[in-house]
């Protein structure tokens, strides 16, 4: 009984140990911050990590930027570029002795869209933890050797997130069917094509199509179809709305998925019959996004 009391006393000590002292004593190889306490990874802590490790791993994952445990510049410069760094907030590139370092952003946006897409399309019975591991491996595999070794970027570029999401969804589908967790039958023969046809077109492409059609409608007031042969189909369809800009834009948005525009968008889209009876639903977009270049 006395030994238990003695054992408990050591854990009831009021002695406070600083984080830098704990890292120095334990010689940690990696630290991860999710404290939302800005500047928690001090200069001493970062330098101690570099002293103990050839390639220290520092993840400052708190959001927003002001709450990040350290900045990318601090992490790279205080370790002389040795650090493997990722952050929850976006940071600018860092230059050290003429070399550019591009910090990766550890964001759950890489994971959840692909998992959700796969589970919804293949009608998963439930979502096992294994799917998140598969998604993480797919994200890691999406980092190119150039990004990893030249720029020390640990995460793929966010501009590639649509393609990564489709790849994750494909991993999800294969796992669900292999473990009898999918309820969509029969299993698609071409998984990539099935997934590609099940996502909305790229928003940038969609907005480009809308802007082009609006411009064509405006140009049609001044020029004849012969002077704009490549847009004759578009102008003939929307010329009747020139007098009302709101109707013009609404018509364009309703028809942007039409098969007549297969060269403009990713794919044609067919509205479900039950929606067709009630009219085509119009995507809700902020007006400022239409004018924002």
C-alpha atoms as a PDB file:
ATOM      1  CA  UNK A   1       0.000   0.000   0.000  1.00  0.00           C
ATOM      2  CA  UNK A   2       2.829   2.336   0.850  1.00  0.00           C
ATOM      3  CA  UNK A   3       4.454   1.650  -2.518  1.00  0.00           C
ATOM      4  CA  UNK A   4       1.267   2.735  -4.254  1.00  0.00           C
ATOM      5  CA  UNK A   5       1.248   5.985  -2.294  1.00  0.00           C
ATOM      6  CA  UNK A   6       4.895   6.611  -3.133  1.00  0.00           C
ATOM      7  CA  UNK A   7       4.206   5.876  -6.771  1.00  0.00           C
ATOM      8  CA  UNK A   8       1.308   8.303  -6.804  1.00  0.00           C
ATOM      9  CA  UNK A   9       3.354  11.110  -5.285  1.00  0.00           C
ATOM     10  CA  UNK A  10       5.633  11.324  -8.299  1.00  0.00           C
ATOM     11  CA  UNK A  11       2.635  12.040 -10.526  1.00  0.00           C
ATOM     12  CA  UNK A  12       1.196  14.618  -8.174  1.00  0.00           C
ATOM     13  CA  UNK A  13       4.239  16.816  -8.415  1.00  0.00           C
ATOM     14  CA  UNK A  14       3.569  20.479  -9.072  1.00  0.00           C
ATOM     15  CA  UNK A  15       6.863  20.924 -10.889  1.00  0.00           C
ATOM     16  CA  UNK A  16       6.199  22.465 -14.305  1.00  0.00           C
ATOM     17  CA  UNK A  17       8.269  21.302 -17.261  1.00  0.00           C
ATOM     18  CA  UNK A  18       8.489  23.569 -20.292  1.00  0.00           C
ATOM     19  CA  UNK A  19       7.867  22.208 -23.761  1.00  0.00           C
ATOM     20  CA  UNK A  20      11.399  23.045 -24.877  1.00  0.00           C
ATOM     21  CA  UNK A  21      12.838  21.174 -21.865  1.00  0.00           C
ATOM     22  CA  UNK A  22      10.600  18.173 -22.558  1.00  0.00           C
ATOM     23  CA  UNK A  23      11.701  18.064 -26.205  1.00  0.00           C
ATOM     24  CA  UNK A  24      15.340  18.391 -25.220  1.00  0.00           C
ATOM     25  CA  UNK A  25      15.040  15.531 -22.749  1.00  0.00           C
ATOM     26  CA  UNK A  26      12.957  13.218 -24.938  1.00  0.00           C
ATOM     27  CA  UNK A  27      14.691  14.150 -28.217  1.00  0.00           C
ATOM     28  CA  UNK A  28      11.444  14.068 -30.138  1.00  0.00           C
ATOM     29  CA  UNK A  29      11.578  13.483 -33.888  1.00  0.00           C
ATOM     30  CA  UNK A  30       8.244  15.112 -34.598  1.00  0.00           C
ATOM     31  CA  UNK A  31       5.847  17.606 -33.067  1.00  0.00           C
ATOM     32  CA  UNK A  32       2.294  18.373 -34.127  1.00  0.00           C
ATOM     33  CA  UNK A  33       0.347  21.408 -33.066  1.00  0.00           C
ATOM     34  CA  UNK A  34      -3.432  21.642 -32.825  1.00  0.00           C
ATOM     35  CA  UNK A  35      -3.575  23.979 -29.839  1.00  0.00           C
ATOM     36  CA  UNK A  36      -4.750  27.133 -31.689  1.00  0.00           C
ATOM     37  CA  UNK A  37      -2.104  28.953 -29.639  1.00  0.00           C
ATOM     38  CA  UNK A  38      -0.154  31.143 -32.017  1.00  0.00           C
ATOM     39  CA  UNK A  39       3.621  30.963 -31.593  1.00  0.00           C
ATOM     40  CA  UNK A  40       3.539  27.889 -29.330  1.00  0.00           C
ATOM     41  CA  UNK A  41       6.510  26.466 -31.252  1.00  0.00           C
ATOM     42  CA  UNK A  42       9.115  28.970 -30.145  1.00  0.00           C
ATOM     43  CA  UNK A  43      12.543  29.611 -31.616  1.00  0.00           C
ATOM     44  CA  UNK A  44      14.134  27.444 -28.909  1.00  0.00           C
ATOM     45  CA  UNK A  45      11.768  24.541 -29.629  1.00  0.00           C
ATOM     46  CA  UNK A  46      12.351  24.613 -33.387  1.00  0.00           C
ATOM     47  CA  UNK A  47      16.123  24.864 -33.003  1.00  0.00           C
ATOM     48  CA  UNK A  48      16.122  22.022 -30.478  1.00  0.00           C
ATOM     49  CA  UNK A  49      14.200  19.868 -32.967  1.00  0.00           C
ATOM     50  CA  UNK A  50      16.822  20.617 -35.626  1.00  0.00           C
ATOM     51  CA  UNK A  51      19.626  19.856 -33.181  1.00  0.00           C
ATOM     52  CA  UNK A  52      18.251  16.419 -32.299  1.00  0.00           C
ATOM     53  CA  UNK A  53      17.152  15.317 -35.779  1.00  0.00           C
ATOM     54  CA  UNK A  54      18.560  15.328 -39.278  1.00  0.00           C
ATOM     55  CA  UNK A  55      15.060  15.960 -40.716  1.00  0.00           C
ATOM     56  CA  UNK A  56      12.751  17.184 -37.941  1.00  0.00           C
ATOM     57  CA  UNK A  57       9.009  16.929 -38.587  1.00  0.00           C
ATOM     58  CA  UNK A  58       6.961  19.955 -37.562  1.00  0.00           C
ATOM     59  CA  UNK A  59       3.236  20.188 -38.260  1.00  0.00           C
ATOM     60  CA  UNK A  60       1.611  23.466 -37.208  1.00  0.00           C
ATOM     61  CA  UNK A  61      -1.996  22.593 -37.988  1.00  0.00           C
ATOM     62  CA  UNK A  62      -4.002  25.224 -36.123  1.00  0.00           C
ATOM     63  CA  UNK A  63      -6.288  27.615 -37.990  1.00  0.00           C
ATOM     64  CA  UNK A  64      -6.522  30.454 -38.858  1.00  0.00           C
ATOM     65  CA  UNK A  65      -3.038  31.738 -39.689  1.00  0.00           C
ATOM     66  CA  UNK A  66      -2.746  33.870 -36.543  1.00  0.00           C
ATOM     67  CA  UNK A  67      -3.278  30.724 -34.429  1.00  0.00           C
ATOM     68  CA  UNK A  68      -0.608  28.683 -36.184  1.00  0.00           C
ATOM     69  CA  UNK A  69       2.015  27.355 -33.763  1.00  0.00           C
ATOM     70  CA  UNK A  70       4.739  28.709 -36.050  1.00  0.00           C
ATOM     71  CA  UNK A  71       5.049  30.076 -39.560  1.00  0.00           C
ATOM     72  CA  UNK A  72       6.592  28.303 -42.516  1.00  0.00           C
ATOM     73  CA  UNK A  73       9.347  30.916 -42.633  1.00  0.00           C
ATOM     74  CA  UNK A  74      10.265  30.287 -38.996  1.00  0.00           C
ATOM     75  CA  UNK A  75      10.287  26.515 -39.455  1.00  0.00           C
ATOM     76  CA  UNK A  76      12.448  26.508 -42.578  1.00  0.00           C
ATOM     77  CA  UNK A  77      14.869  29.275 -41.613  1.00  0.00           C
ATOM     78  CA  UNK A  78      15.457  28.176 -38.017  1.00  0.00           C
ATOM     79  CA  UNK A  79      16.259  24.642 -39.211  1.00  0.00           C
ATOM     80  CA  UNK A  80      18.209  25.836 -42.259  1.00  0.00           C
ATOM     81  CA  UNK A  81      15.780  24.063 -44.575  1.00  0.00           C
ATOM     82  CA  UNK A  82      16.031  20.662 -42.862  1.00  0.00           C
ATOM     83  CA  UNK A  83      12.463  20.594 -41.563  1.00  0.00           C
ATOM     84  CA  UNK A  84       9.612  18.554 -43.006  1.00  0.00           C
ATOM     85  CA  UNK A  85       6.869  21.116 -42.502  1.00  0.00           C
ATOM     86  CA  UNK A  86       3.127  21.265 -43.025  1.00  0.00           C
ATOM     87  CA  UNK A  87       0.556  23.726 -41.771  1.00  0.00           C
ATOM     88  CA  UNK A  88      -3.181  23.985 -41.405  1.00  0.00           C
ATOM     89  CA  UNK A  89      -3.146  27.515 -42.797  1.00  0.00           C
ATOM     90  CA  UNK A  90      -1.693  28.581 -46.149  1.00  0.00           C
ATOM     91  CA  UNK A  91       1.756  30.186 -46.128  1.00  0.00           C
ATOM     92  CA  UNK A  92       3.846  31.835 -48.822  1.00  0.00           C
ATOM     93  CA  UNK A  93       6.922  30.151 -50.274  1.00  0.00           C
ATOM     94  CA  UNK A  94      10.165  30.523 -48.348  1.00  0.00           C
ATOM     95  CA  UNK A  95      13.553  31.227 -49.942  1.00  0.00           C
ATOM     96  CA  UNK A  96      16.804  30.230 -48.232  1.00  0.00           C
ATOM     97  CA  UNK A  97      20.155  30.751 -49.975  1.00  0.00           C
ATOM     98  CA  UNK A  98      18.484  30.817 -53.375  1.00  0.00           C
ATOM     99  CA  UNK A  99      16.428  27.648 -52.818  1.00  0.00           C
ATOM    100  CA  UNK A 100      12.640  27.808 -52.816  1.00  0.00           C
ATOM    101  CA  UNK A 101      10.635  25.854 -50.240  1.00  0.00           C
ATOM    102  CA  UNK A 102       6.903  25.402 -50.789  1.00  0.00           C
ATOM    103  CA  UNK A 103       5.044  24.534 -47.578  1.00  0.00           C
ATOM    104  CA  UNK A 104       2.240  22.007 -47.870  1.00  0.00           C
ATOM    105  CA  UNK A 105      -1.152  22.603 -46.311  1.00  0.00           C
ATOM    106  CA  UNK A 106      -2.465  19.726 -44.212  1.00  0.00           C
ATOM    107  CA  UNK A 107      -6.170  20.127 -44.867  1.00  0.00           C
ATOM    108  CA  UNK A 108      -9.011  17.637 -44.508  1.00  0.00           C
ATOM    109  CA  UNK A 109     -10.276  18.901 -47.866  1.00  0.00           C
ATOM    110  CA  UNK A 110      -7.966  16.306 -49.420  1.00  0.00           C
ATOM    111  CA  UNK A 111      -9.809  13.451 -47.705  1.00  0.00           C
ATOM    112  CA  UNK A 112     -13.516  13.987 -47.137  1.00  0.00           C
ATOM    113  CA  UNK A 113     -14.698  14.826 -50.688  1.00  0.00           C
ATOM    114  CA  UNK A 114     -13.293  11.584 -52.106  1.00  0.00           C
ATOM    115  CA  UNK A 115     -14.566   9.426 -49.264  1.00  0.00           C
ATOM    116  CA  UNK A 116     -18.002  11.053 -49.397  1.00  0.00           C
ATOM    117  CA  UNK A 117     -18.157  10.672 -53.178  1.00  0.00           C
ATOM    118  CA  UNK A 118     -17.306   6.975 -53.019  1.00  0.00           C
ATOM    119  CA  UNK A 119     -19.646   6.179 -50.131  1.00  0.00           C
ATOM    120  CA  UNK A 120     -22.583   8.034 -51.699  1.00  0.00           C
ATOM    121  CA  UNK A 121     -22.167   6.660 -55.229  1.00  0.00           C
ATOM    122  CA  UNK A 122     -21.550   3.068 -54.176  1.00  0.00           C
ATOM    123  CA  UNK A 123     -24.129   3.271 -51.356  1.00  0.00           C
ATOM    124  CA  UNK A 124     -21.914   2.066 -48.534  1.00  0.00           C
ATOM    125  CA  UNK A 125     -23.531   0.170 -45.660  1.00  0.00           C
ATOM    126  CA  UNK A 126     -21.240   2.008 -43.263  1.00  0.00           C
ATOM    127  CA  UNK A 127     -17.896   3.842 -43.359  1.00  0.00           C
ATOM    128  CA  UNK A 128     -15.042   1.805 -41.834  1.00  0.00           C
ATOM    129  CA  UNK A 129     -11.913   3.504 -40.486  1.00  0.00           C
ATOM    130  CA  UNK A 130      -9.843   1.699 -43.117  1.00  0.00           C
ATOM    131  CA  UNK A 131     -11.171   4.081 -45.777  1.00  0.00           C
ATOM    132  CA  UNK A 132      -9.431   7.030 -44.148  1.00  0.00           C
ATOM    133  CA  UNK A 133      -6.131   5.161 -44.176  1.00  0.00           C
ATOM    134  CA  UNK A 134      -6.589   4.341 -47.870  1.00  0.00           C
ATOM    135  CA  UNK A 135      -7.394   7.987 -48.585  1.00  0.00           C
ATOM    136  CA  UNK A 136      -4.310   9.165 -46.697  1.00  0.00           C
ATOM    137  CA  UNK A 137      -2.110   6.798 -48.692  1.00  0.00           C
ATOM    138  CA  UNK A 138      -3.629   8.025 -51.943  1.00  0.00           C
ATOM    139  CA  UNK A 139      -2.947  11.646 -50.976  1.00  0.00           C
ATOM    140  CA  UNK A 140       0.653  10.765 -50.094  1.00  0.00           C
ATOM    141  CA  UNK A 141       1.100   8.940 -53.405  1.00  0.00           C
ATOM    142  CA  UNK A 142      -0.139  12.047 -55.229  1.00  0.00           C
ATOM    143  CA  UNK A 143       2.892  14.070 -54.136  1.00  0.00           C
ATOM    144  CA  UNK A 144       5.401  14.116 -56.979  1.00  0.00           C
ATOM    145  CA  UNK A 145       9.099  13.476 -56.385  1.00  0.00           C
ATOM    146  CA  UNK A 146       9.847  16.969 -57.644  1.00  0.00           C
ATOM    147  CA  UNK A 147       7.523  18.521 -55.070  1.00  0.00           C
ATOM    148  CA  UNK A 148       8.908  16.368 -52.272  1.00  0.00           C
ATOM    149  CA  UNK A 149      12.643  16.540 -52.913  1.00  0.00           C
ATOM    150  CA  UNK A 150      13.008  19.904 -54.618  1.00  0.00           C
ATOM    151  CA  UNK A 151      10.451  21.998 -52.754  1.00  0.00           C
ATOM    152  CA  UNK A 152       9.907  19.907 -49.571  1.00  0.00           C
ATOM    153  CA  UNK A 153       6.156  19.978 -50.186  1.00  0.00           C
ATOM    154  CA  UNK A 154       4.496  17.174 -48.226  1.00  0.00           C
ATOM    155  CA  UNK A 155       0.995  17.573 -49.667  1.00  0.00           C
ATOM    156  CA  UNK A 156      -0.168  17.755 -53.297  1.00  0.00           C
ATOM    157  CA  UNK A 157      -1.268  21.059 -54.732  1.00  0.00           C
ATOM    158  CA  UNK A 158      -4.863  22.004 -53.982  1.00  0.00           C
ATOM    159  CA  UNK A 159      -5.447  22.628 -57.700  1.00  0.00           C
ATOM    160  CA  UNK A 160      -5.278  18.834 -58.155  1.00  0.00           C
ATOM    161  CA  UNK A 161      -7.896  18.093 -55.514  1.00  0.00           C
ATOM    162  CA  UNK A 162     -10.629  17.129 -58.003  1.00  0.00           C
ATOM    163  CA  UNK A 163      -8.494  14.425 -59.575  1.00  0.00           C
ATOM    164  CA  UNK A 164      -7.321  13.230 -56.157  1.00  0.00           C
ATOM    165  CA  UNK A 165     -10.928  13.019 -54.957  1.00  0.00           C
ATOM    166  CA  UNK A 166     -11.857  10.797 -57.900  1.00  0.00           C
ATOM    167  CA  UNK A 167      -8.861   8.549 -57.185  1.00  0.00           C
ATOM    168  CA  UNK A 168      -9.836   8.294 -53.523  1.00  0.00           C
ATOM    169  CA  UNK A 169     -13.429   7.494 -54.485  1.00  0.00           C
ATOM    170  CA  UNK A 170     -12.121   4.715 -56.734  1.00  0.00           C
ATOM    171  CA  UNK A 171     -10.117   3.277 -53.811  1.00  0.00           C
ATOM    172  CA  UNK A 172     -13.255   3.506 -51.685  1.00  0.00           C
ATOM    173  CA  UNK A 173     -15.327   1.700 -54.317  1.00  0.00           C
ATOM    174  CA  UNK A 174     -12.838  -1.131 -54.709  1.00  0.00           C
ATOM    175  CA  UNK A 175     -12.663  -1.603 -50.944  1.00  0.00           C
ATOM    176  CA  UNK A 176     -16.439  -1.525 -50.483  1.00  0.00           C
ATOM    177  CA  UNK A 177     -17.058  -4.132 -53.180  1.00  0.00           C
ATOM    178  CA  UNK A 178     -14.190  -6.328 -51.995  1.00  0.00           C
ATOM    179  CA  UNK A 179     -15.581  -6.374 -48.437  1.00  0.00           C
ATOM    180  CA  UNK A 180     -19.255  -6.628 -49.424  1.00  0.00           C
ATOM    181  CA  UNK A 181     -20.055  -3.162 -48.078  1.00  0.00           C
ATOM    182  CA  UNK A 182     -21.412  -1.644 -51.309  1.00  0.00           C
ATOM    183  CA  UNK A 183     -25.124  -1.868 -52.085  1.00  0.00           C
ATOM    184  CA  UNK A 184     -24.942  -0.485 -55.631  1.00  0.00           C
ATOM    185  CA  UNK A 185     -25.232  -3.407 -58.031  1.00  0.00           C
ATOM    186  CA  UNK A 186     -23.990  -4.406 -60.472  1.00  0.00           C
ATOM    187  CA  UNK A 187     -20.485  -3.118 -59.852  1.00  0.00           C
ATOM    188  CA  UNK A 188     -19.462  -0.605 -62.563  1.00  0.00           C
ATOM    189  CA  UNK A 189     -17.204  -2.141 -65.209  1.00  0.00           C
ATOM    190  CA  UNK A 190     -15.247   1.086 -65.720  1.00  0.00           C
ATOM    191  CA  UNK A 191     -14.834   2.648 -62.292  1.00  0.00           C
ATOM    192  CA  UNK A 192     -12.985   5.733 -63.533  1.00  0.00           C
ATOM    193  CA  UNK A 193     -15.587   6.570 -66.165  1.00  0.00           C
ATOM    194  CA  UNK A 194     -18.436   5.958 -63.726  1.00  0.00           C
ATOM    195  CA  UNK A 195     -16.913   8.350 -61.191  1.00  0.00           C
ATOM    196  CA  UNK A 196     -15.997  10.981 -63.774  1.00  0.00           C
ATOM    197  CA  UNK A 197     -19.572  11.073 -65.060  1.00  0.00           C
ATOM    198  CA  UNK A 198     -20.927  11.392 -61.530  1.00  0.00           C
ATOM    199  CA  UNK A 199     -19.267  14.658 -60.521  1.00  0.00           C
ATOM    200  CA  UNK A 200     -20.189  18.182 -61.472  1.00  0.00           C
ATOM    201  CA  UNK A 201     -18.068  19.877 -64.132  1.00  0.00           C
ATOM    202  CA  UNK A 202     -15.193  22.046 -62.987  1.00  0.00           C
ATOM    203  CA  UNK A 203     -16.637  25.286 -61.611  1.00  0.00           C
ATOM    204  CA  UNK A 204     -14.020  27.323 -63.507  1.00  0.00           C
ATOM    205  CA  UNK A 205     -15.050  25.689 -66.781  1.00  0.00           C
ATOM    206  CA  UNK A 206     -18.702  26.204 -65.911  1.00  0.00           C
ATOM    207  CA  UNK A 207     -18.178  29.900 -65.171  1.00  0.00           C
ATOM    208  CA  UNK A 208     -16.117  30.295 -68.346  1.00  0.00           C
ATOM    209  CA  UNK A 209     -19.002  28.874 -70.350  1.00  0.00           C
ATOM    210  CA  UNK A 210     -21.475  31.238 -68.701  1.00  0.00           C
ATOM    211  CA  UNK A 211     -19.260  34.276 -69.300  1.00  0.00           C
ATOM    212  CA  UNK A 212     -18.701  33.285 -72.910  1.00  0.00           C
ATOM    213  CA  UNK A 213     -22.413  32.912 -73.553  1.00  0.00           C
ATOM    214  CA  UNK A 214     -23.190  36.265 -71.943  1.00  0.00           C
ATOM    215  CA  UNK A 215     -20.488  37.915 -74.056  1.00  0.00           C
ATOM    216  CA  UNK A 216     -21.851  36.289 -77.187  1.00  0.00           C
ATOM    217  CA  UNK A 217     -25.331  37.526 -76.376  1.00  0.00           C
ATOM    218  CA  UNK A 218     -23.999  41.062 -75.999  1.00  0.00           C
ATOM    219  CA  UNK A 219     -21.973  40.790 -79.206  1.00  0.00           C
ATOM    220  CA  UNK A 220     -24.993  39.544 -81.106  1.00  0.00           C
ATOM    221  CA  UNK A 221     -26.541  42.985 -80.724  1.00  0.00           C
ATOM    222  CA  UNK A 222     -23.724  44.532 -82.791  1.00  0.00           C
ATOM    223  CA  UNK A 223     -22.619  41.795 -85.204  1.00  0.00           C
ATOM    224  CA  UNK A 224     -24.341  39.345 -87.486  1.00  0.00           C
ATOM    225  CA  UNK A 225     -24.103  35.573 -87.172  1.00  0.00           C
ATOM    226  CA  UNK A 226     -21.889  35.461 -90.257  1.00  0.00           C
ATOM    227  CA  UNK A 227     -19.222  37.448 -88.437  1.00  0.00           C
ATOM    228  CA  UNK A 228     -19.416  35.060 -85.500  1.00  0.00           C
ATOM    229  CA  UNK A 229     -19.878  31.654 -87.165  1.00  0.00           C
ATOM    230  CA  UNK A 230     -18.412  29.669 -84.288  1.00  0.00           C
ATOM    231  CA  UNK A 231     -21.057  31.097 -81.953  1.00  0.00           C
ATOM    232  CA  UNK A 232     -24.035  31.053 -84.282  1.00  0.00           C
ATOM    233  CA  UNK A 233     -25.737  28.227 -82.382  1.00  0.00           C
ATOM    234  CA  UNK A 234     -25.332  30.018 -79.074  1.00  0.00           C
ATOM    235  CA  UNK A 235     -26.517  33.391 -80.338  1.00  0.00           C
ATOM    236  CA  UNK A 236     -29.547  31.923 -82.070  1.00  0.00           C
ATOM    237  CA  UNK A 237     -30.627  30.302 -78.828  1.00  0.00           C
ATOM    238  CA  UNK A 238     -30.294  33.318 -76.547  1.00  0.00           C
ATOM    239  CA  UNK A 239     -30.953  36.254 -78.842  1.00  0.00           C
ATOM    240  CA  UNK A 240     -34.565  36.356 -77.695  1.00  0.00           C
ATOM    241  CA  UNK A 241     -33.395  37.256 -74.192  1.00  0.00           C
ATOM    242  CA  UNK A 242     -31.221  40.240 -75.127  1.00  0.00           C
ATOM    243  CA  UNK A 243     -33.782  42.659 -73.795  1.00  0.00           C
ATOM    244  CA  UNK A 244     -33.724  41.092 -70.340  1.00  0.00           C
ATOM    245  CA  UNK A 245     -30.234  40.354 -68.892  1.00  0.00           C
ATOM    246  CA  UNK A 246     -31.630  38.384 -65.940  1.00  0.00           C
ATOM    247  CA  UNK A 247     -33.596  36.035 -68.189  1.00  0.00           C
ATOM    248  CA  UNK A 248     -30.557  35.735 -70.436  1.00  0.00           C
ATOM    249  CA  UNK A 249     -28.286  34.641 -67.616  1.00  0.00           C
ATOM    250  CA  UNK A 250     -30.877  32.261 -66.174  1.00  0.00           C
ATOM    251  CA  UNK A 251     -31.364  30.629 -69.576  1.00  0.00           C
ATOM    252  CA  UNK A 252     -27.614  30.158 -69.976  1.00  0.00           C
ATOM    253  CA  UNK A 253     -27.264  28.554 -66.568  1.00  0.00           C
ATOM    254  CA  UNK A 254     -30.157  26.215 -67.293  1.00  0.00           C
ATOM    255  CA  UNK A 255     -28.625  25.080 -70.576  1.00  0.00           C
ATOM    256  CA  UNK A 256     -24.950  24.981 -69.688  1.00  0.00           C
ATOM    257  CA  UNK A 257     -25.173  21.188 -69.259  1.00  0.00           C
ATOM    258  CA  UNK A 258     -26.877  20.714 -72.630  1.00  0.00           C
ATOM    259  CA  UNK A 259     -25.366  18.275 -75.124  1.00  0.00           C
ATOM    260  CA  UNK A 260     -24.833  21.214 -77.488  1.00  0.00           C
ATOM    261  CA  UNK A 261     -21.966  22.362 -75.268  1.00  0.00           C
ATOM    262  CA  UNK A 262     -19.989  19.143 -74.911  1.00  0.00           C
ATOM    263  CA  UNK A 263     -16.868  20.939 -76.155  1.00  0.00           C
ATOM    264  CA  UNK A 264     -17.259  23.622 -73.516  1.00  0.00           C
ATOM    265  CA  UNK A 265     -17.922  21.576 -70.385  1.00  0.00           C
ATOM    266  CA  UNK A 266     -16.806  18.203 -69.124  1.00  0.00           C
ATOM    267  CA  UNK A 267     -19.927  16.246 -69.987  1.00  0.00           C
ATOM    268  CA  UNK A 268     -23.626  16.528 -70.769  1.00  0.00           C
ATOM    269  CA  UNK A 269     -25.937  16.323 -67.837  1.00  0.00           C
ATOM    270  CA  UNK A 270     -29.460  14.922 -67.868  1.00  0.00           C
ATOM    271  CA  UNK A 271     -31.796  16.169 -65.193  1.00  0.00           C
ATOM    272  CA  UNK A 272     -33.898  13.494 -63.438  1.00  0.00           C
ATOM    273  CA  UNK A 273     -37.428  13.157 -64.876  1.00  0.00           C
ATOM    274  CA  UNK A 274     -39.033  14.238 -61.613  1.00  0.00           C
ATOM    275  CA  UNK A 275     -37.106  17.518 -61.735  1.00  0.00           C
ATOM    276  CA  UNK A 276     -37.862  18.065 -65.412  1.00  0.00           C
ATOM    277  CA  UNK A 277     -41.591  18.149 -64.686  1.00  0.00           C
ATOM    278  CA  UNK A 278     -41.062  21.049 -62.310  1.00  0.00           C
ATOM    279  CA  UNK A 279     -38.613  22.952 -64.488  1.00  0.00           C
ATOM    280  CA  UNK A 280     -34.840  22.973 -64.507  1.00  0.00           C
ATOM    281  CA  UNK A 281     -33.307  23.926 -61.154  1.00  0.00           C
ATOM    282  CA  UNK A 282     -30.911  26.861 -61.424  1.00  0.00           C
ATOM    283  CA  UNK A 283     -27.555  26.639 -59.598  1.00  0.00           C
ATOM    284  CA  UNK A 284     -27.281  29.254 -56.863  1.00  0.00           C
ATOM    285  CA  UNK A 285     -24.170  31.383 -57.360  1.00  0.00           C
ATOM    286  CA  UNK A 286     -23.265  34.724 -55.865  1.00  0.00           C
ATOM    287  CA  UNK A 287     -23.512  37.521 -58.361  1.00  0.00           C
ATOM    288  CA  UNK A 288     -20.038  38.788 -57.522  1.00  0.00           C
ATOM    289  CA  UNK A 289     -18.594  35.422 -58.570  1.00  0.00           C
ATOM    290  CA  UNK A 290     -19.910  36.035 -62.076  1.00  0.00           C
ATOM    291  CA  UNK A 291     -17.892  39.237 -62.364  1.00  0.00           C
ATOM    292  CA  UNK A 292     -14.818  38.171 -60.442  1.00  0.00           C
ATOM    293  CA  UNK A 293     -11.899  37.458 -62.759  1.00  0.00           C
END
